[in-house]
Amino acid sequence: MAAHLRPMLESIKFGSITLVIQDGKVVQIEKNEKVRLQSNKTR
């Protein structure tokens, strides 16, 4: 698990990482990353 989790933690800037656990064991890791876009206020 740590081999998958560490790169995710190092690469994410904004968002969340969710661990899915069944029977006391991690069975899935989900990464949701938000991308912030620059707004163009001079229209």
C-alpha atoms as a PDB file:
ATOM      1  CA  MET A   1       0.000   0.000   0.000  1.00  0.00           C
ATOM      2  CA  ALA A   2       2.746   2.495   0.895  1.00  0.00           C
ATOM      3  CA  ALA A   3       4.295   2.036  -2.551  1.00  0.00           C
ATOM      4  CA  HIS A   4       1.073   3.353  -4.122  1.00  0.00           C
ATOM      5  CA  LEU A   5       0.215   5.962  -1.511  1.00  0.00           C
ATOM      6  CA  ARG A   6       3.531   7.840  -1.340  1.00  0.00           C
ATOM      7  CA  PRO A   7       3.617   8.913  -5.038  1.00  0.00           C
ATOM      8  CA  MET A   8       0.002  10.070  -4.761  1.00  0.00           C
ATOM      9  CA  LEU A   9       0.758  12.173  -1.686  1.00  0.00           C
ATOM     10  CA  GLU A  10       3.842  13.701  -3.303  1.00  0.00           C
ATOM     11  CA  SER A  11       2.069  14.613  -6.543  1.00  0.00           C
ATOM     12  CA  ILE A  12      -1.237  16.084  -5.312  1.00  0.00           C
ATOM     13  CA  LYS A  13      -1.575  19.859  -4.785  1.00  0.00           C
ATOM     14  CA  PHE A  14      -5.321  20.282  -4.172  1.00  0.00           C
ATOM     15  CA  GLY A  15      -7.781  17.472  -3.569  1.00  0.00           C
ATOM     16  CA  SER A  16      -8.189  14.339  -1.502  1.00  0.00           C
ATOM     17  CA  ILE A  17      -6.979  10.776  -1.171  1.00  0.00           C
ATOM     18  CA  THR A  18      -9.467   8.205   0.135  1.00  0.00           C
ATOM     19  CA  LEU A  19      -8.672   4.766   1.493  1.00  0.00           C
ATOM     20  CA  VAL A  20     -11.417   2.152   1.043  1.00  0.00           C
ATOM     21  CA  ILE A  21     -11.269  -0.514   3.759  1.00  0.00           C
ATOM     22  CA  GLN A  22     -13.030  -3.885   3.871  1.00  0.00           C
ATOM     23  CA  ASP A  23     -12.622  -6.411   6.674  1.00  0.00           C
ATOM     24  CA  GLY A  24      -9.926  -4.230   8.232  1.00  0.00           C
ATOM     25  CA  LYS A  25      -7.752  -4.171   5.075  1.00  0.00           C
ATOM     26  CA  VAL A  26      -7.175  -1.431   2.508  1.00  0.00           C
ATOM     27  CA  VAL A  27      -8.684  -2.667  -0.756  1.00  0.00           C
ATOM     28  CA  GLN A  28      -8.734   0.535  -2.810  1.00  0.00           C
ATOM     29  CA  ILE A  29      -7.082   3.960  -2.944  1.00  0.00           C
ATOM     30  CA  GLU A  30      -8.892   6.831  -4.665  1.00  0.00           C
ATOM     31  CA  LYS A  31      -7.264  10.121  -5.654  1.00  0.00           C
ATOM     32  CA  ASN A  32      -9.406  13.155  -6.490  1.00  0.00           C
ATOM     33  CA  GLU A  33      -7.377  16.128  -7.633  1.00  0.00           C
ATOM     34  CA  LYS A  34      -8.733  19.604  -8.228  1.00  0.00           C
ATOM     35  CA  VAL A  35      -7.222  21.796 -10.920  1.00  0.00           C
ATOM     36  CA  ARG A  36      -7.531  25.526 -10.288  1.00  0.00           C
ATOM     37  CA  LEU A  37      -7.872  27.577 -13.449  1.00  0.00           C
ATOM     38  CA  GLN A  38      -6.804  31.219 -13.662  1.00  0.00           C
ATOM     39  CA  SER A  39      -9.855  33.440 -14.164  1.00  0.00           C
ATOM     40  CA  ASN A  40      -9.696  36.001 -16.957  1.00  0.00           C
ATOM     41  CA  LYS A  41     -11.141  39.092 -15.213  1.00  0.00           C
ATOM     42  CA  THR A  42     -10.160  41.534 -17.988  1.00  0.00           C
ATOM     43  CA  ARG A  43     -12.965  40.888 -20.462  1.00  0.00           C
END
